[in-house]
Amino acid sequence: SDKTTLILHDLEPEAARNVFSNIPN
């Protein structure tokens, strides 16, 4: 639960958050 995931993307910010909404931290 403490692991962090960095997502580097070229999408619209809201679209990226919607796609990876199930990833914690």
PDB file of all heavy atoms in Angstrom:
ATOM      1  N   SER A   1       0.812  -1.222   0.000  1.00  0.00           N
ATOM      2  CA  SER A   1       0.000   0.000   0.000  1.00  0.00           C
ATOM      3  C   SER A   1       0.840   1.264   0.000  1.00  0.00           C
ATOM      4  O   SER A   1       0.343   2.347  -0.283  1.00  0.00           O
ATOM      5  CB  SER A   1      -0.925   0.009   1.226  1.00  0.00           C
ATOM      6  OG  SER A   1      -0.170  -0.068   2.423  1.00  0.00           O
ATOM      7  N   ASP A   2       2.150   1.139   0.331  1.00  0.00           N
ATOM      8  CA  ASP A   2       3.025   2.304   0.387  1.00  0.00           C
ATOM      9  C   ASP A   2       3.784   2.543  -0.913  1.00  0.00           C
ATOM     10  O   ASP A   2       4.475   3.547  -1.044  1.00  0.00           O
ATOM     11  CB  ASP A   2       4.039   2.150   1.531  1.00  0.00           C
ATOM     12  CG  ASP A   2       3.354   2.129   2.897  1.00  0.00           C
ATOM     13  OD1 ASP A   2       2.257   2.713   2.996  1.00  0.00           O
ATOM     14  OD2 ASP A   2       3.908   1.529   3.830  1.00  0.00           O
ATOM     15  N   LYS A   3       3.681   1.624  -1.856  1.00  0.00           N
ATOM     16  CA  LYS A   3       4.427   1.755  -3.097  1.00  0.00           C
ATOM     17  C   LYS A   3       3.862   2.887  -3.952  1.00  0.00           C
ATOM     18  O   LYS A   3       2.650   3.064  -4.050  1.00  0.00           O
ATOM     19  CB  LYS A   3       4.394   0.440  -3.873  1.00  0.00           C
ATOM     20  CG  LYS A   3       5.205  -0.671  -3.239  1.00  0.00           C
ATOM     21  CD  LYS A   3       5.228  -1.912  -4.112  1.00  0.00           C
ATOM     22  CE  LYS A   3       6.103  -2.990  -3.503  1.00  0.00           C
ATOM     23  NZ  LYS A   3       6.151  -4.209  -4.333  1.00  0.00           N
ATOM     24  N   THR A   4       4.760   3.634  -4.569  1.00  0.00           N
ATOM     25  CA  THR A   4       4.351   4.742  -5.417  1.00  0.00           C
ATOM     26  C   THR A   4       4.553   4.382  -6.884  1.00  0.00           C
ATOM     27  O   THR A   4       5.487   3.669  -7.243  1.00  0.00           O
ATOM     28  CB  THR A   4       5.171   6.006  -5.101  1.00  0.00           C
ATOM     29  OG1 THR A   4       6.566   5.704  -5.266  1.00  0.00           O
ATOM     30  CG2 THR A   4       4.924   6.463  -3.682  1.00  0.00           C
ATOM     31  N   THR A   5       3.667   4.892  -7.707  1.00  0.00           N
ATOM     32  CA  THR A   5       3.741   4.674  -9.152  1.00  0.00           C
ATOM     33  C   THR A   5       3.802   6.025  -9.841  1.00  0.00           C
ATOM     34  O   THR A   5       2.919   6.867  -9.639  1.00  0.00           O
ATOM     35  CB  THR A   5       2.511   3.894  -9.656  1.00  0.00           C
ATOM     36  OG1 THR A   5       2.447   2.627  -8.998  1.00  0.00           O
ATOM     37  CG2 THR A   5       2.602   3.676 -11.163  1.00  0.00           C
ATOM     38  N   LEU A   6       4.837   6.253 -10.613  1.00  0.00           N
ATOM     39  CA  LEU A   6       4.967   7.494 -11.373  1.00  0.00           C
ATOM     40  C   LEU A   6       4.483   7.245 -12.795  1.00  0.00           C
ATOM     41  O   LEU A   6       4.959   6.325 -13.471  1.00  0.00           O
ATOM     42  CB  LEU A   6       6.420   7.965 -11.388  1.00  0.00           C
ATOM     43  CG  LEU A   6       6.672   9.272 -12.150  1.00  0.00           C
ATOM     44  CD1 LEU A   6       6.000  10.438 -11.440  1.00  0.00           C
ATOM     45  CD2 LEU A   6       8.152   9.546 -12.313  1.00  0.00           C
ATOM     46  N   ILE A   7       3.548   8.053 -13.243  1.00  0.00           N
ATOM     47  CA  ILE A   7       2.963   7.893 -14.577  1.00  0.00           C
ATOM     48  C   ILE A   7       3.332   9.111 -15.414  1.00  0.00           C
ATOM     49  O   ILE A   7       2.839  10.216 -15.188  1.00  0.00           O
ATOM     50  CB  ILE A   7       1.431   7.737 -14.493  1.00  0.00           C
ATOM     51  CG1 ILE A   7       1.071   6.521 -13.618  1.00  0.00           C
ATOM     52  CG2 ILE A   7       0.831   7.586 -15.887  1.00  0.00           C
ATOM     53  CD1 ILE A   7      -0.401   6.372 -13.351  1.00  0.00           C
ATOM     54  N   LEU A   8       4.211   8.905 -16.366  1.00  0.00           N
ATOM     55  CA  LEU A   8       4.626   9.961 -17.295  1.00  0.00           C
ATOM     56  C   LEU A   8       3.829   9.779 -18.587  1.00  0.00           C
ATOM     57  O   LEU A   8       3.932   8.737 -19.247  1.00  0.00           O
ATOM     58  CB  LEU A   8       6.127   9.856 -17.566  1.00  0.00           C
ATOM     59  CG  LEU A   8       6.711  10.827 -18.580  1.00  0.00           C
ATOM     60  CD1 LEU A   8       6.587  12.268 -18.092  1.00  0.00           C
ATOM     61  CD2 LEU A   8       8.176  10.493 -18.870  1.00  0.00           C
ATOM     62  N   HIS A   9       3.054  10.781 -18.959  1.00  0.00           N
ATOM     63  CA  HIS A   9       2.123  10.610 -20.086  1.00  0.00           C
ATOM     64  C   HIS A   9       2.062  11.871 -20.930  1.00  0.00           C
ATOM     65  O   HIS A   9       2.479  12.960 -20.513  1.00  0.00           O
ATOM     66  CB  HIS A   9       0.729  10.275 -19.549  1.00  0.00           C
ATOM     67  CG  HIS A   9       0.124  11.374 -18.728  1.00  0.00           C
ATOM     68  ND1 HIS A   9      -0.643  12.381 -19.284  1.00  0.00           N
ATOM     69  CD2 HIS A   9       0.184  11.640 -17.388  1.00  0.00           C
ATOM     70  CE1 HIS A   9      -1.028  13.216 -18.329  1.00  0.00           C
ATOM     71  NE2 HIS A   9      -0.543  12.792 -17.175  1.00  0.00           N
ATOM     72  N   ASP A  10       1.505  11.726 -22.134  1.00  0.00           N
ATOM     73  CA  ASP A  10       1.280  12.872 -23.019  1.00  0.00           C
ATOM     74  C   ASP A  10      -0.212  13.071 -23.287  1.00  0.00           C
ATOM     75  O   ASP A  10      -0.601  13.625 -24.326  1.00  0.00           O
ATOM     76  CB  ASP A  10       2.046  12.696 -24.333  1.00  0.00           C
ATOM     77  CG  ASP A  10       1.688  11.403 -25.063  1.00  0.00           C
ATOM     78  OD1 ASP A  10       0.792  10.679 -24.586  1.00  0.00           O
ATOM     79  OD2 ASP A  10       2.302  11.119 -26.110  1.00  0.00           O
ATOM     80  N   LEU A  11      -1.047  12.605 -22.351  1.00  0.00           N
ATOM     81  CA  LEU A  11      -2.499  12.733 -22.473  1.00  0.00           C
ATOM     82  C   LEU A  11      -2.980  14.014 -21.808  1.00  0.00           C
ATOM     83  O   LEU A  11      -2.208  14.739 -21.177  1.00  0.00           O
ATOM     84  CB  LEU A  11      -3.183  11.526 -21.811  1.00  0.00           C
ATOM     85  CG  LEU A  11      -2.703  10.129 -22.207  1.00  0.00           C
ATOM     86  CD1 LEU A  11      -3.380   9.085 -21.336  1.00  0.00           C
ATOM     87  CD2 LEU A  11      -2.979   9.875 -23.684  1.00  0.00           C
ATOM     88  N   GLU A  12      -4.271  14.270 -21.933  1.00  0.00           N
ATOM     89  CA  GLU A  12      -4.883  15.318 -21.132  1.00  0.00           C
ATOM     90  C   GLU A  12      -4.879  14.861 -19.672  1.00  0.00           C
ATOM     91  O   GLU A  12      -5.117  13.680 -19.393  1.00  0.00           O
ATOM     92  CB  GLU A  12      -6.315  15.595 -21.599  1.00  0.00           C
ATOM     93  CG  GLU A  12      -6.402  16.246 -22.972  1.00  0.00           C
ATOM     94  CD  GLU A  12      -5.804  17.637 -22.973  1.00  0.00           C
ATOM     95  OE1 GLU A  12      -5.906  18.334 -21.938  1.00  0.00           O
ATOM     96  OE2 GLU A  12      -5.232  18.029 -24.004  1.00  0.00           O
ATOM     97  N   PRO A  13      -4.616  15.754 -18.731  1.00  0.00           N
ATOM     98  CA  PRO A  13      -4.515  15.349 -17.320  1.00  0.00           C
ATOM     99  C   PRO A  13      -5.716  14.563 -16.815  1.00  0.00           C
ATOM    100  O   PRO A  13      -5.561  13.534 -16.134  1.00  0.00           O
ATOM    101  CB  PRO A  13      -4.367  16.690 -16.584  1.00  0.00           C
ATOM    102  CG  PRO A  13      -3.721  17.588 -17.590  1.00  0.00           C
ATOM    103  CD  PRO A  13      -4.292  17.185 -18.914  1.00  0.00           C
ATOM    104  N   GLU A  14      -6.920  14.997 -17.139  1.00  0.00           N
ATOM    105  CA  GLU A  14      -8.117  14.303 -16.664  1.00  0.00           C
ATOM    106  C   GLU A  14      -8.243  12.920 -17.290  1.00  0.00           C
ATOM    107  O   GLU A  14      -8.679  11.959 -16.641  1.00  0.00           O
ATOM    108  CB  GLU A  14      -9.364  15.141 -16.954  1.00  0.00           C
ATOM    109  CG  GLU A  14      -9.489  16.382 -16.092  1.00  0.00           C
ATOM    110  CD  GLU A  14      -9.533  16.032 -14.608  1.00  0.00           C
ATOM    111  OE1 GLU A  14     -10.161  15.005 -14.246  1.00  0.00           O
ATOM    112  OE2 GLU A  14      -8.923  16.759 -13.811  1.00  0.00           O
ATOM    113  N   ALA A  15      -7.881  12.824 -18.558  1.00  0.00           N
ATOM    114  CA  ALA A  15      -7.947  11.526 -19.237  1.00  0.00           C
ATOM    115  C   ALA A  15      -6.985  10.536 -18.601  1.00  0.00           C
ATOM    116  O   ALA A  15      -7.309   9.353 -18.408  1.00  0.00           O
ATOM    117  CB  ALA A  15      -7.627  11.700 -20.723  1.00  0.00           C
ATOM    118  N   ALA A  16      -5.794  11.000 -18.242  1.00  0.00           N
ATOM    119  CA  ALA A  16      -4.807  10.111 -17.607  1.00  0.00           C
ATOM    120  C   ALA A  16      -5.305   9.632 -16.249  1.00  0.00           C
ATOM    121  O   ALA A  16      -5.172   8.450 -15.901  1.00  0.00           O
ATOM    122  CB  ALA A  16      -3.476  10.838 -17.467  1.00  0.00           C
ATOM    123  N   ARG A  17      -5.877  10.542 -15.467  1.00  0.00           N
ATOM    124  CA  ARG A  17      -6.385  10.151 -14.144  1.00  0.00           C
ATOM    125  C   ARG A  17      -7.556   9.183 -14.263  1.00  0.00           C
ATOM    126  O   ARG A  17      -7.735   8.303 -13.412  1.00  0.00           O
ATOM    127  CB  ARG A  17      -6.798  11.403 -13.365  1.00  0.00           C
ATOM    128  CG  ARG A  17      -5.622  12.304 -13.013  1.00  0.00           C
ATOM    129  CD  ARG A  17      -6.039  13.493 -12.174  1.00  0.00           C
ATOM    130  NE  ARG A  17      -4.916  14.366 -11.900  1.00  0.00           N
ATOM    131  CZ  ARG A  17      -4.033  14.172 -10.925  1.00  0.00           C
ATOM    132  NH1 ARG A  17      -4.166  13.131 -10.122  1.00  0.00           N
ATOM    133  NH2 ARG A  17      -3.025  15.000 -10.756  1.00  0.00           N
ATOM    134  N   ASN A  18      -8.346   9.337 -15.292  1.00  0.00           N
ATOM    135  CA  ASN A  18      -9.469   8.419 -15.497  1.00  0.00           C
ATOM    136  C   ASN A  18      -8.970   7.025 -15.891  1.00  0.00           C
ATOM    137  O   ASN A  18      -9.492   6.009 -15.415  1.00  0.00           O
ATOM    138  CB  ASN A  18     -10.389   8.977 -16.579  1.00  0.00           C
ATOM    139  CG  ASN A  18     -11.566   8.052 -16.845  1.00  0.00           C
ATOM    140  OD1 ASN A  18     -12.281   7.654 -15.929  1.00  0.00           O
ATOM    141  ND2 ASN A  18     -11.765   7.696 -18.108  1.00  0.00           N
ATOM    142  N   VAL A  19      -7.948   6.956 -16.732  1.00  0.00           N
ATOM    143  CA  VAL A  19      -7.422   5.667 -17.192  1.00  0.00           C
ATOM    144  C   VAL A  19      -6.787   4.892 -16.046  1.00  0.00           C
ATOM    145  O   VAL A  19      -6.960   3.679 -15.915  1.00  0.00           O
ATOM    146  CB  VAL A  19      -6.406   5.888 -18.329  1.00  0.00           C
ATOM    147  CG1 VAL A  19      -5.668   4.588 -18.638  1.00  0.00           C
ATOM    148  CG2 VAL A  19      -7.110   6.395 -19.586  1.00  0.00           C
ATOM    149  N   PHE A  20      -6.036   5.594 -15.177  1.00  0.00           N
ATOM    150  CA  PHE A  20      -5.298   4.930 -14.100  1.00  0.00           C
ATOM    151  C   PHE A  20      -5.916   5.203 -12.726  1.00  0.00           C
ATOM    152  O   PHE A  20      -5.207   5.291 -11.728  1.00  0.00           O
ATOM    153  CB  PHE A  20      -3.845   5.394 -14.117  1.00  0.00           C
ATOM    154  CG  PHE A  20      -3.097   5.022 -15.358  1.00  0.00           C
ATOM    155  CD1 PHE A  20      -2.941   5.949 -16.389  1.00  0.00           C
ATOM    156  CD2 PHE A  20      -2.583   3.749 -15.526  1.00  0.00           C
ATOM    157  CE1 PHE A  20      -2.252   5.617 -17.543  1.00  0.00           C
ATOM    158  CE2 PHE A  20      -1.898   3.404 -16.682  1.00  0.00           C
ATOM    159  CZ  PHE A  20      -1.735   4.338 -17.695  1.00  0.00           C
ATOM    160  N   SER A  21      -7.218   5.321 -12.685  1.00  0.00           N
ATOM    161  CA  SER A  21      -7.911   5.639 -11.425  1.00  0.00           C
ATOM    162  C   SER A  21      -7.803   4.517 -10.400  1.00  0.00           C
ATOM    163  O   SER A  21      -7.964   4.757  -9.196  1.00  0.00           O
ATOM    164  CB  SER A  21      -9.386   5.946 -11.703  1.00  0.00           C
ATOM    165  OG  SER A  21     -10.018   4.834 -12.342  1.00  0.00           O
ATOM    166  N   ASN A  22      -7.539   3.298 -10.852  1.00  0.00           N
ATOM    167  CA  ASN A  22      -7.481   2.153  -9.926  1.00  0.00           C
ATOM    168  C   ASN A  22      -6.101   1.937  -9.318  1.00  0.00           C
ATOM    169  O   ASN A  22      -5.923   1.037  -8.492  1.00  0.00           O
ATOM    170  CB  ASN A  22      -7.911   0.869 -10.650  1.00  0.00           C
ATOM    171  CG  ASN A  22      -9.378   0.910 -11.054  1.00  0.00           C
ATOM    172  OD1 ASN A  22     -10.194   1.550 -10.400  1.00  0.00           O
ATOM    173  ND2 ASN A  22      -9.704   0.231 -12.146  1.00  0.00           N
ATOM    174  N   ILE A  23      -5.117   2.745  -9.714  1.00  0.00           N
ATOM    175  CA  ILE A  23      -3.760   2.579  -9.186  1.00  0.00           C
ATOM    176  C   ILE A  23      -3.585   3.464  -7.961  1.00  0.00           C
ATOM    177  O   ILE A  23      -3.693   4.698  -8.057  1.00  0.00           O
ATOM    178  CB  ILE A  23      -2.704   2.925 -10.247  1.00  0.00           C
ATOM    179  CG1 ILE A  23      -2.798   1.951 -11.417  1.00  0.00           C
ATOM    180  CG2 ILE A  23      -1.299   2.903  -9.652  1.00  0.00           C
ATOM    181  CD1 ILE A  23      -1.772   2.181 -12.498  1.00  0.00           C
ATOM    182  N   PRO A  24      -3.314   2.881  -6.783  1.00  0.00           N
ATOM    183  CA  PRO A  24      -3.127   3.694  -5.573  1.00  0.00           C
ATOM    184  C   PRO A  24      -1.768   4.395  -5.570  1.00  0.00           C
ATOM    185  O   PRO A  24      -0.809   3.932  -6.188  1.00  0.00           O
ATOM    186  CB  PRO A  24      -3.215   2.658  -4.441  1.00  0.00           C
ATOM    187  CG  PRO A  24      -2.750   1.380  -5.081  1.00  0.00           C
ATOM    188  CD  PRO A  24      -3.198   1.442  -6.521  1.00  0.00           C
ATOM    189  N   ASN A  25      -1.706   5.526  -4.874  1.00  0.00           N
ATOM    190  CA  ASN A  25      -0.454   6.283  -4.720  1.00  0.00           C
ATOM    191  C   ASN A  25       0.197   6.628  -6.057  1.00  0.00           C
ATOM    192  O   ASN A  25       1.420   6.580  -6.201  1.00  0.00           O
ATOM    193  CB  ASN A  25       0.547   5.511  -3.850  1.00  0.00           C
ATOM    194  CG  ASN A  25       0.018   5.232  -2.463  1.00  0.00           C
ATOM    195  OD1 ASN A  25      -0.751   6.006  -1.904  1.00  0.00           O
ATOM    196  ND2 ASN A  25       0.420   4.111  -1.886  1.00  0.00           N
TER     197      ASN A  25
END
